Amino acid sequence: MHSELSRQLPLLLCISQLASVYAAPSGKGDGYGLIGRRFSNASGRRIFPRSYTLNCQRSDDDLALLKTEFENAAKMASYASQNLGSDTAKPYLQGFVAQSLLDPSVNIINQLQEAYGRGAGMADQDDFTYTVTCDDTKTMCKNGYYASMNDASKTMNFCSAWWSVSGTPADGKAPDLASTSDILANCQGDDPQYKNLQDFWTSRAQSLLHEWTHTTYYTGTNDRTVDYAYAVQNCLDLAAGSRDTSKLPRSRAYKKDGTPYCPDSNDNTKAGVCDPTLSIDNADSLALMASGSWFSDAGQCNRQIPIALTANPPSDPESDPGTPIDPPGEDTGDPDTTCDSGNTKRDGSDPCAPSSTIAPSQSPTPSPSSTPPAYATGTCSFHLTETENCDSDYGNNLWGVVKMYDNDKNVIGETATDDDHPLGYAMDDGNSYSFTSKLPQPLVITGEHENDYVQFTYGGLSWQSKTPNGGGSCSVGGWDPRDGPVCDDFLGSTTNAVSEI
């Protein structure tokens, strides 16, 4: 495969004998944020004490504000690390953490405080270092985000909207973030500008703490927090077990690999109500708890910041779940955000697969379903359309679209393409496409650049597009054009190559 070119394989027919097993699904949370381009400023100076290297073209005032808010975010995290069990923090802990996790035997307060303690050091310690960039050309900035964290590359990218939404893609969709100094000057008195927790949700410092939680350094595990819900109402609903994703736009309800962020309890291929225990894995929930506690302290606003909202009760599973209530500014569908856990966007939510970054001491084991298989057992077949586009960024140039059939040739799974995913879902080595269907396990698809083949895995079966082995075989065609697509950067024109497989 030519990584700099774009070509398409419209028909990849693979057949594999699949056992008629049926078991409860399992998932592991994962995600990635946005890799920011590294601009060089005139001095190349390192304005942050130790943890952050600045590589950003902004005015001196903008950079000074950024530095100040990093310091405030560290104070916020430090306060939470020492006071999460206090009466001041109690309303936020009870509102944003699932009740089942608040049992003393789970010891969740200590676990959360340890994580906040790591966050407190992320502004001025060498234990976790990364580069701060400011690149508005990135897709996330174009789609209205404030900032994003890429834990793998240790890069935190800021969009212009973080300073002001005016003239940015976020204009008219998301509010301006508020500086800590402005909040503290207007959060006291009989009729303060910043009255309840939703007002404080626009805090710039809180947005930075939100980003910090998207790192394995913060969580102290191999997983990062993700974004199951944004803003006060949705985070309350998440903890209460009423965060229903079934009515959300597909780009909000499903991951990049096509699996739902919160699987329906009766059909794991469909979006449903989120498990409330995911509240401790939700970045905004953690940021809100710390923000509410810190601003309520006598050293800041000197009053208990009211949550002011209440969680919606869980829906009756026998009734129509209805449309989730999202606060003003939440997304109505955002491209290129599925499974990008490291994103701060006030007009949308981007959760990834369920995982527990701070594991409770006890967790229930799902019972295997007794429902019969929703497919004809025997031989399964599927078509794969593979596309390699002209994007030279690693992990972003191989895409897959799948249509799967059971033994009776009934469609049991199909990739949904839309404006957000016109070429399907990423299937590169290191970023495989986990295609879900009515079968009990996902089909994992990995395109290999070297030797130009596709690797398939289903449960214990494994085979390649060019080699019939491991219980499966494929019919493979060639590329047209044979040398791959035409990608003319100067003229801005592209021609995809097609191959029958």
Protein backbone atom coordinates (compact mmCIF):
# COMPACT_ATOMS: atom_id res chain seq x y z
CA MET A 1 0.00 0.00 0.00
CA HIS A 2 1.13 3.52 -0.71
CA SER A 3 0.49 5.61 2.40
CA GLU A 4 0.59 8.87 0.49
CA LEU A 5 -2.03 7.79 -2.02
CA SER A 6 -5.76 7.10 -1.92
CA ARG A 7 -7.33 4.00 -3.33
CA GLN A 8 -10.38 1.88 -2.78
CA LEU A 9 -11.17 -1.82 -2.55
CA PRO A 10 -14.92 -1.99 -3.04
CA LEU A 11 -15.41 -5.73 -2.80
CA LEU A 12 -13.62 -7.90 -0.27
CA LEU A 13 -15.49 -11.15 0.19
CA CYS A 14 -14.36 -13.23 3.12
CA ILE A 15 -16.02 -16.36 4.38
CA SER A 16 -15.45 -17.93 7.75
CA GLN A 17 -17.07 -20.72 9.71
CA LEU A 18 -18.42 -19.16 12.89
CA ALA A 19 -19.64 -21.23 15.81
CA SER A 20 -23.18 -20.61 17.00
CA VAL A 21 -22.09 -19.37 20.40
CA TYR A 22 -23.79 -16.61 22.30
CA ALA A 23 -22.26 -14.76 25.21
CA ALA A 24 -22.45 -11.44 26.95
CA PRO A 25 -20.31 -8.76 25.27
CA SER A 26 -17.43 -7.07 26.96
CA GLY A 27 -15.65 -3.83 26.18
CA LYS A 28 -12.63 -1.86 27.14
CA GLY A 29 -12.53 1.89 27.11
CA ASP A 30 -9.99 3.59 24.96
CA GLY A 31 -9.70 6.83 23.16
CA TYR A 32 -7.43 9.44 21.73
CA GLY A 33 -7.50 13.15 21.38
CA LEU A 34 -6.04 15.54 18.90
CA ILE A 35 -2.37 15.79 17.97
CA GLY A 36 -1.55 19.48 17.72
CA ARG A 37 0.93 20.84 15.17
CA ARG A 38 3.98 22.25 16.86
CA PHE A 39 4.47 25.90 16.05
CA SER A 40 7.70 27.59 17.00
CA ASN A 41 7.50 30.98 18.64
CA ALA A 42 10.22 33.55 18.35
CA SER A 43 11.99 32.74 21.57
CA GLY A 44 11.16 29.07 21.87
CA ARG A 45 10.86 29.91 25.55
CA ARG A 46 9.65 27.52 28.20
CA ILE A 47 7.16 29.58 30.19
CA PHE A 48 5.84 26.75 32.32
CA PRO A 49 8.00 25.76 35.29
CA ARG A 50 8.72 22.16 34.33
CA SER A 51 5.81 20.12 33.02
CA TYR A 52 4.89 22.12 29.95
CA THR A 53 6.89 23.15 26.93
CA LEU A 54 5.13 25.90 25.03
CA ASN A 55 5.08 25.68 21.25
CA CYS A 56 2.35 28.14 20.44
CA GLN A 57 1.88 31.35 18.49
CA ARG A 58 -0.35 33.60 20.60
CA SER A 59 -0.06 37.07 22.07
CA ASP A 60 1.80 37.56 25.34
CA ASP A 61 -1.51 38.29 27.09
CA ASP A 62 -3.02 35.06 25.78
CA LEU A 63 -0.03 33.04 26.94
CA ALA A 64 -0.05 34.71 30.36
CA LEU A 65 -3.74 33.80 30.75
CA LEU A 66 -2.99 30.22 29.76
CA LYS A 67 -0.23 29.97 32.35
CA THR A 68 -2.45 31.45 35.05
CA GLU A 69 -5.28 29.03 34.33
CA PHE A 70 -2.89 26.07 34.42
CA GLU A 71 -1.94 27.19 37.92
CA ASN A 72 -5.62 27.58 38.90
CA ALA A 73 -6.45 24.13 37.54
CA ALA A 74 -3.66 22.69 39.69
CA LYS A 75 -5.08 24.46 42.75
CA MET A 76 -8.52 23.08 41.93
CA ALA A 77 -7.17 19.54 41.69
CA SER A 78 -5.11 19.97 44.85
CA TYR A 79 -8.17 21.11 46.81
CA ALA A 80 -10.18 18.13 45.62
CA SER A 81 -7.33 15.78 46.53
CA GLN A 82 -7.56 16.90 50.14
CA ASN A 83 -11.23 17.78 50.61
CA LEU A 84 -13.36 15.44 48.52
CA GLY A 85 -14.72 13.86 51.70
CA SER A 86 -15.66 17.21 53.25
CA ASP A 87 -19.13 18.68 53.69
CA THR A 88 -18.26 21.26 51.02
CA ALA A 89 -17.62 18.58 48.42
CA LYS A 90 -20.43 16.26 49.55
CA PRO A 91 -23.20 17.62 47.24
CA TYR A 92 -21.00 17.22 44.17
CA LEU A 93 -19.78 13.77 45.15
CA GLN A 94 -23.36 12.60 45.71
CA GLY A 95 -24.58 14.24 42.52
CA PHE A 96 -21.89 13.13 40.07
CA VAL A 97 -20.88 9.68 41.32
CA ALA A 98 -23.12 6.61 41.09
CA GLN A 99 -24.70 5.84 44.45
CA SER A 100 -23.48 2.26 44.32
CA LEU A 101 -19.90 3.53 44.35
CA LEU A 102 -20.42 5.69 47.43
CA ASP A 103 -20.66 2.64 49.68
CA PRO A 104 -17.77 2.90 52.20
CA SER A 105 -16.55 -0.56 51.18
CA VAL A 106 -15.74 0.73 47.70
CA ASN A 107 -13.37 3.37 49.10
CA ILE A 108 -14.05 5.60 46.09
CA ILE A 109 -13.20 8.88 47.82
CA ASN A 110 -9.61 7.84 48.46
CA GLN A 111 -9.24 6.56 44.92
CA LEU A 112 -10.56 9.79 43.45
CA GLN A 113 -8.41 11.90 45.78
CA GLU A 114 -5.29 10.05 44.70
CA ALA A 115 -6.09 10.82 41.08
CA TYR A 116 -6.75 14.49 41.86
CA GLY A 117 -3.41 14.53 43.66
CA ARG A 118 -1.65 13.48 40.47
CA GLY A 119 -3.57 16.15 38.60
CA ALA A 120 -2.40 18.77 41.08
CA GLY A 121 1.18 18.18 39.99
CA MET A 122 0.56 18.38 36.27
CA ALA A 123 1.29 22.11 36.09
CA ASP A 124 4.77 22.14 37.59
CA GLN A 125 6.24 18.66 37.99
CA ASP A 126 8.51 16.58 35.79
CA ASP A 127 6.61 13.34 36.35
CA PHE A 128 4.41 14.10 33.35
CA THR A 129 5.70 16.38 30.61
CA TYR A 130 4.06 17.37 27.35
CA THR A 131 3.93 20.04 24.69
CA VAL A 132 1.29 22.77 24.54
CA THR A 133 0.32 23.74 20.99
CA CYS A 134 -2.17 26.15 19.42
CA ASP A 135 -3.25 24.92 15.99
CA ASP A 136 -6.58 26.06 14.57
CA THR A 137 -6.06 24.04 11.39
CA LYS A 138 -6.78 20.83 13.25
CA THR A 139 -10.11 19.14 12.66
CA MET A 140 -11.24 19.45 16.25
CA CYS A 141 -10.74 23.21 16.21
CA LYS A 142 -12.63 23.42 12.92
CA ASN A 143 -15.50 21.56 14.55
CA GLY A 144 -15.89 23.93 17.48
CA TYR A 145 -13.69 22.52 20.22
CA TYR A 146 -11.86 24.51 22.87
CA ALA A 147 -8.93 22.18 23.53
CA SER A 148 -7.85 18.56 23.37
CA MET A 149 -5.33 16.19 24.91
CA ASN A 150 -3.44 13.44 23.12
CA ASP A 151 -2.00 11.17 25.78
CA ALA A 152 -0.02 9.07 23.29
CA SER A 153 1.92 12.01 21.84
CA LYS A 154 1.74 13.98 25.10
CA THR A 155 0.36 17.00 23.30
CA MET A 156 -2.30 19.42 24.49
CA ASN A 157 -3.72 21.51 21.67
CA PHE A 158 -5.63 24.75 22.18
CA CYS A 159 -8.06 26.25 19.69
CA SER A 160 -8.68 29.99 19.44
CA ALA A 161 -12.14 29.35 20.90
CA TRP A 162 -10.49 28.71 24.27
CA TRP A 163 -9.71 32.43 24.42
CA SER A 164 -12.80 33.64 22.53
CA VAL A 165 -15.40 31.86 20.41
CA SER A 166 -15.94 34.98 18.30
CA GLY A 167 -15.07 34.27 14.68
CA THR A 168 -14.36 30.59 15.35
CA PRO A 169 -16.41 27.52 14.39
CA ALA A 170 -17.70 27.52 17.98
CA ASP A 171 -19.28 30.97 17.51
CA GLY A 172 -23.02 30.74 18.10
CA LYS A 173 -22.79 27.14 19.34
CA ALA A 174 -20.73 27.38 22.50
CA PRO A 175 -20.26 30.04 25.19
CA ASP A 176 -17.07 31.92 25.89
CA LEU A 177 -15.04 30.35 28.65
CA ALA A 178 -14.58 32.45 31.79
CA SER A 179 -11.30 33.32 33.44
CA THR A 180 -10.90 32.46 37.11
CA SER A 181 -10.36 36.11 38.01
CA ASP A 182 -13.66 37.09 36.38
CA ILE A 183 -15.52 34.30 38.19
CA LEU A 184 -14.05 35.22 41.58
CA ALA A 185 -14.95 38.88 41.05
CA ASN A 186 -18.56 38.01 40.25
CA CYS A 187 -19.54 34.99 42.36
CA GLN A 188 -20.50 36.64 45.64
CA GLY A 189 -23.22 39.03 46.81
CA ASP A 190 -27.00 38.91 46.66
CA ASP A 191 -27.25 38.50 42.90
CA PRO A 192 -23.91 37.25 41.55
CA GLN A 193 -23.29 36.74 37.86
CA TYR A 194 -22.05 33.24 38.58
CA LYS A 195 -24.90 31.75 40.58
CA ASN A 196 -24.95 27.98 40.20
CA LEU A 197 -22.67 25.19 39.06
CA GLN A 198 -23.74 25.42 35.42
CA ASP A 199 -22.38 29.01 35.38
CA PHE A 200 -19.06 27.78 36.76
CA TRP A 201 -18.95 25.06 34.11
CA THR A 202 -17.50 27.62 31.69
CA SER A 203 -14.39 27.98 33.85
CA ARG A 204 -11.17 27.91 31.85
CA ALA A 205 -9.38 26.26 34.76
CA GLN A 206 -12.00 23.54 34.88
CA SER A 207 -11.55 22.92 31.15
CA LEU A 208 -7.84 22.30 31.75
CA LEU A 209 -8.51 19.88 34.60
CA HIS A 210 -10.97 18.11 32.30
CA GLU A 211 -8.12 17.64 29.79
CA TRP A 212 -5.68 16.40 32.41
CA THR A 213 -8.03 13.59 33.32
CA HIS A 214 -7.66 12.28 29.75
CA THR A 215 -4.18 10.96 30.57
CA THR A 216 -3.06 7.67 32.03
CA TYR A 217 -0.78 9.65 34.32
CA TYR A 218 -3.82 11.25 35.96
CA THR A 219 -5.81 8.05 36.33
CA GLY A 220 -2.80 5.99 37.39
CA THR A 221 -4.01 3.13 35.17
CA ASN A 222 -3.69 2.02 31.56
CA ASP A 223 -6.97 3.77 30.73
CA ARG A 224 -7.94 7.40 30.40
CA THR A 225 -11.20 9.11 31.24
CA VAL A 226 -13.62 9.53 28.36
CA ASP A 227 -16.56 11.84 27.63
CA TYR A 228 -19.82 10.06 28.26
CA ALA A 229 -21.52 13.32 29.19
CA TYR A 230 -20.85 17.05 29.24
CA ALA A 231 -22.31 19.74 31.50
CA VAL A 232 -24.20 19.55 34.76
CA GLN A 233 -27.50 18.00 33.65
CA ASN A 234 -25.97 15.23 31.57
CA CYS A 235 -23.39 14.40 34.25
CA LEU A 236 -26.13 14.18 36.87
CA ASP A 237 -28.10 11.86 34.59
CA LEU A 238 -25.02 9.72 33.99
CA ALA A 239 -24.57 9.08 37.72
CA ALA A 240 -28.29 8.45 38.17
CA GLY A 241 -28.49 5.86 35.39
CA SER A 242 -30.64 8.00 33.10
CA ARG A 243 -28.05 9.11 30.53
CA ASP A 244 -29.78 7.68 27.45
CA THR A 245 -27.75 7.83 24.24
CA SER A 246 -30.28 6.07 22.01
CA LYS A 247 -31.77 9.31 20.70
CA LEU A 248 -28.47 11.10 20.12
CA PRO A 249 -27.04 11.63 16.61
CA ARG A 250 -25.04 8.63 15.47
CA SER A 251 -21.73 10.47 15.73
CA ARG A 252 -22.50 11.06 19.40
CA ALA A 253 -23.90 7.62 20.21
CA TYR A 254 -21.37 5.37 18.46
CA LYS A 255 -17.61 5.04 18.54
CA LYS A 256 -15.34 5.26 15.56
CA ASP A 257 -15.44 1.48 15.17
CA GLY A 258 -19.23 1.47 15.04
CA THR A 259 -19.86 0.10 18.51
CA PRO A 260 -22.11 2.09 20.85
CA TYR A 261 -20.58 4.14 23.64
CA CYS A 262 -23.26 2.89 26.01
CA PRO A 263 -24.69 -0.42 24.72
CA ASP A 264 -28.37 -1.15 25.14
CA SER A 265 -28.94 -3.79 27.80
CA ASN A 266 -31.02 -5.89 25.39
CA ASP A 267 -28.94 -5.42 22.22
CA ASN A 268 -25.27 -4.60 22.56
CA THR A 269 -25.10 -3.37 18.95
CA LYS A 270 -27.44 -0.47 19.73
CA ALA A 271 -26.95 2.64 21.85
CA GLY A 272 -28.74 2.74 25.16
CA VAL A 273 -28.52 3.99 28.73
CA CYS A 274 -25.04 4.39 30.19
CA ASP A 275 -23.98 2.34 33.19
CA PRO A 276 -23.99 4.83 36.09
CA THR A 277 -20.67 3.49 37.38
CA LEU A 278 -19.08 5.10 34.31
CA SER A 279 -19.53 8.41 36.13
CA ILE A 280 -16.07 8.02 37.69
CA ASP A 281 -14.63 7.59 34.19
CA ASN A 282 -16.30 10.73 32.84
CA ALA A 283 -13.95 13.71 32.51
CA ASP A 284 -16.55 16.42 33.02
CA SER A 285 -17.94 14.72 36.14
CA LEU A 286 -14.50 14.76 37.74
CA ALA A 287 -13.89 18.36 36.67
CA LEU A 288 -17.28 19.50 38.01
CA MET A 289 -16.69 17.91 41.42
CA ALA A 290 -13.35 19.65 41.79
CA SER A 291 -14.58 22.95 40.40
CA GLY A 292 -17.69 23.11 42.59
CA SER A 293 -15.72 22.23 45.72
CA TRP A 294 -12.89 24.67 45.10
CA PHE A 295 -15.06 27.64 44.13
CA SER A 296 -17.29 27.02 47.17
CA ASP A 297 -14.37 27.31 49.58
CA ALA A 298 -13.98 30.39 51.76
CA GLY A 299 -10.83 31.30 49.88
CA GLN A 300 -12.76 31.67 46.63
CA CYS A 301 -16.52 32.43 46.49
CA ASN A 302 -17.11 31.71 50.19
CA ARG A 303 -20.51 30.10 49.63
CA GLN A 304 -21.79 26.68 48.67
CA ILE A 305 -22.22 26.75 44.90
CA PRO A 306 -25.63 25.14 44.29
CA ILE A 307 -25.99 22.46 41.65
CA ALA A 308 -29.50 23.86 41.02
CA LEU A 309 -30.46 20.95 38.74
CA THR A 310 -31.63 17.44 39.55
CA ALA A 311 -31.02 14.21 37.72
CA ASN A 312 -33.76 12.81 35.53
CA PRO A 313 -35.05 9.50 36.91
CA PRO A 314 -34.07 6.34 35.04
CA SER A 315 -36.54 5.47 32.30
CA ASP A 316 -38.91 2.57 32.58
CA PRO A 317 -37.23 -0.11 30.41
CA GLU A 318 -40.66 -1.12 29.11
CA SER A 319 -41.46 2.38 27.89
CA ASP A 320 -40.05 4.71 25.24
CA PRO A 321 -36.91 6.22 26.76
CA GLY A 322 -37.57 9.55 25.04
CA THR A 323 -35.07 12.16 24.03
CA PRO A 324 -32.32 12.97 26.53
CA ILE A 325 -32.36 16.51 27.84
CA ASP A 326 -29.16 18.27 26.82
CA PRO A 327 -28.23 21.72 28.11
CA PRO A 328 -27.97 24.67 25.70
CA GLY A 329 -24.88 24.41 23.55
CA GLU A 330 -24.68 20.64 23.43
CA ASP A 331 -23.90 19.06 20.12
CA THR A 332 -26.29 18.02 17.39
CA GLY A 333 -23.69 15.83 15.75
CA ASP A 334 -19.97 16.46 15.51
CA PRO A 335 -17.65 14.94 12.90
CA ASP A 336 -14.39 13.22 13.63
CA THR A 337 -15.00 12.96 17.35
CA THR A 338 -16.00 9.33 17.83
CA CYS A 339 -13.71 7.69 20.33
CA ASP A 340 -11.59 10.83 20.60
CA SER A 341 -11.63 10.87 24.32
CA GLY A 342 -9.30 13.80 24.80
CA ASN A 343 -11.63 16.56 23.65
CA THR A 344 -13.08 19.56 25.43
CA LYS A 345 -16.14 20.71 23.53
CA ARG A 346 -19.00 22.58 25.13
CA ASP A 347 -21.40 21.75 22.31
CA GLY A 348 -20.98 17.98 22.23
CA SER A 349 -20.05 14.76 23.93
CA ASP A 350 -17.54 12.21 22.79
CA PRO A 351 -17.55 9.10 24.95
CA CYS A 352 -15.66 5.94 24.10
CA ALA A 353 -16.27 2.38 25.14
CA PRO A 354 -17.07 1.75 28.81
CA SER A 355 -14.11 1.23 31.11
CA SER A 356 -13.32 1.89 34.73
CA THR A 357 -10.27 4.08 35.11
CA ILE A 358 -10.72 4.16 38.88
CA ALA A 359 -12.01 0.71 39.63
CA PRO A 360 -14.38 0.16 42.55
CA SER A 361 -13.53 -2.62 44.95
CA GLN A 362 -16.58 -4.61 43.88
CA SER A 363 -18.09 -4.75 40.42
CA PRO A 364 -21.00 -6.88 39.25
CA THR A 365 -20.38 -9.63 36.73
CA PRO A 366 -22.85 -9.55 33.84
CA SER A 367 -24.91 -12.68 33.46
CA PRO A 368 -24.82 -14.46 30.09
CA SER A 369 -27.95 -13.83 28.09
CA SER A 370 -30.31 -16.71 27.40
CA THR A 371 -31.67 -15.02 24.27
CA PRO A 372 -31.15 -17.20 21.16
CA PRO A 373 -28.75 -15.98 18.45
CA ALA A 374 -30.29 -13.28 16.25
CA TYR A 375 -28.84 -14.86 13.10
CA ALA A 376 -28.79 -18.11 11.12
CA THR A 377 -25.81 -20.13 12.29
CA GLY A 378 -23.37 -21.72 9.90
CA THR A 379 -21.23 -19.81 7.40
CA CYS A 380 -20.89 -16.07 7.70
CA SER A 381 -19.80 -13.89 4.78
CA PHE A 382 -19.08 -10.21 4.40
CA HIS A 383 -17.95 -7.59 1.92
CA LEU A 384 -15.26 -5.10 2.88
CA THR A 385 -14.65 -1.85 1.03
CA GLU A 386 -11.21 -0.59 1.94
CA THR A 387 -10.12 2.94 1.11
CA GLU A 388 -6.71 4.51 1.43
CA ASN A 389 -6.94 8.29 1.17
CA CYS A 390 -4.35 10.99 0.65
CA ASP A 391 -3.95 11.85 4.31
CA SER A 392 -0.37 11.11 5.24
CA ASP A 393 -1.03 11.15 8.99
CA TYR A 394 -0.38 7.75 10.49
CA GLY A 395 -3.54 6.02 11.55
CA ASN A 396 -5.77 8.14 9.36
CA ASN A 397 -5.39 6.77 5.85
CA LEU A 398 -6.99 3.31 5.84
CA TRP A 399 -10.77 3.08 6.17
CA GLY A 400 -13.26 0.23 6.04
CA VAL A 401 -16.93 -0.31 5.24
CA VAL A 402 -18.42 -3.75 5.98
CA LYS A 403 -21.66 -5.50 5.12
CA MET A 404 -22.08 -8.88 6.83
CA TYR A 405 -24.49 -11.76 6.08
CA ASP A 406 -25.49 -14.84 8.06
CA ASN A 407 -25.84 -18.37 6.69
CA ASP A 408 -29.23 -17.50 5.11
CA LYS A 409 -27.78 -14.37 3.48
CA ASN A 410 -29.64 -12.05 5.81
CA VAL A 411 -27.82 -8.82 6.59
CA ILE A 412 -26.71 -8.99 10.22
CA GLY A 413 -24.46 -5.94 10.31
CA GLU A 414 -23.51 -3.01 8.15
CA THR A 415 -21.22 0.00 8.52
CA ALA A 416 -23.19 3.22 8.52
CA THR A 417 -21.47 5.87 6.41
CA ASP A 418 -22.45 9.52 6.70
CA ASP A 419 -21.00 12.98 6.27
CA ASP A 420 -18.83 12.38 9.32
CA HIS A 421 -17.49 9.04 8.05
CA PRO A 422 -17.82 8.98 4.25
CA LEU A 423 -15.08 6.36 3.92
CA GLY A 424 -16.13 4.27 6.89
CA TYR A 425 -13.96 3.71 9.96
CA ALA A 426 -10.21 3.60 10.54
CA MET A 427 -8.61 0.15 10.15
CA ASP A 428 -4.88 0.84 10.34
CA ASP A 429 -2.33 -1.22 12.20
CA GLY A 430 -2.57 0.10 15.75
CA ASN A 431 -6.05 1.48 15.13
CA SER A 432 -8.04 -1.55 13.99
CA TYR A 433 -11.72 -1.45 13.05
CA SER A 434 -13.77 -3.49 15.52
CA PHE A 435 -16.91 -4.15 13.47
CA THR A 436 -19.96 -5.19 15.46
CA SER A 437 -22.97 -7.07 14.17
CA LYS A 438 -25.60 -9.41 15.57
CA LEU A 439 -22.82 -11.93 16.17
CA PRO A 440 -21.71 -12.14 19.80
CA GLN A 441 -18.18 -10.91 19.13
CA PRO A 442 -16.74 -8.14 16.95
CA LEU A 443 -14.85 -8.77 13.73
CA VAL A 444 -11.50 -7.01 14.08
CA ILE A 445 -10.12 -5.70 10.78
CA THR A 446 -6.55 -4.44 10.38
CA GLY A 447 -5.10 -3.13 7.13
CA GLU A 448 -1.38 -3.75 6.75
CA HIS A 449 0.66 -1.36 4.59
CA GLU A 450 3.60 -3.72 4.33
CA ASN A 451 2.85 -6.53 1.85
CA ASP A 452 -0.57 -4.98 1.16
CA TYR A 453 -2.97 -7.32 2.97
CA VAL A 454 -5.80 -7.22 5.49
CA GLN A 455 -5.78 -9.16 8.75
CA PHE A 456 -9.09 -10.46 10.15
CA THR A 457 -9.79 -11.77 13.65
CA TYR A 458 -13.01 -13.11 15.11
CA GLY A 459 -12.74 -14.62 18.55
CA GLY A 460 -10.15 -17.40 18.23
CA LEU A 461 -10.20 -17.32 14.40
CA SER A 462 -7.62 -15.35 12.47
CA TRP A 463 -6.91 -15.14 8.73
CA GLN A 464 -5.53 -12.82 6.06
CA SER A 465 -7.00 -11.50 2.83
CA LYS A 466 -4.24 -13.08 0.73
CA THR A 467 -3.87 -16.33 2.67
CA PRO A 468 -6.74 -18.75 3.41
CA ASN A 469 -5.95 -19.87 6.92
CA GLY A 470 -7.30 -19.87 10.45
CA GLY A 471 -10.80 -20.92 9.38
CA GLY A 472 -11.45 -18.19 6.81
CA SER A 473 -10.75 -17.41 3.17
CA CYS A 474 -11.06 -14.38 0.90
CA SER A 475 -11.54 -13.64 -2.78
CA VAL A 476 -9.15 -10.82 -3.64
CA GLY A 477 -8.94 -8.60 -6.74
CA GLY A 478 -6.40 -5.97 -7.82
CA TRP A 479 -6.16 -2.20 -7.67
CA ASP A 480 -7.42 0.12 -10.38
CA PRO A 481 -5.38 2.20 -11.08
CA ARG A 482 -2.77 -0.45 -10.45
CA ASP A 483 -0.33 2.03 -8.86
CA GLY A 484 -2.91 3.52 -6.54
CA PRO A 485 -4.85 6.78 -6.63
CA VAL A 486 -3.76 10.17 -7.87
CA CYS A 487 -3.16 12.73 -5.12
CA ASP A 488 -2.17 16.10 -6.51
CA ASP A 489 -1.54 18.45 -3.59
CA PHE A 490 -0.72 21.35 -5.89
CA LEU A 491 -3.97 21.16 -7.87
CA GLY A 492 -5.96 19.83 -4.96
CA SER A 493 -7.32 16.91 -7.00
CA THR A 494 -7.60 13.23 -6.06
CA THR A 495 -8.67 10.10 -7.90
CA ASN A 496 -9.35 6.96 -5.90
CA ALA A 497 -8.12 3.60 -7.11
CA VAL A 498 -10.52 0.65 -6.96
CA SER A 499 -9.90 -3.05 -6.52
CA GLU A 500 -12.29 -6.01 -6.52
CA ILE A 501 -11.54 -8.30 -3.59
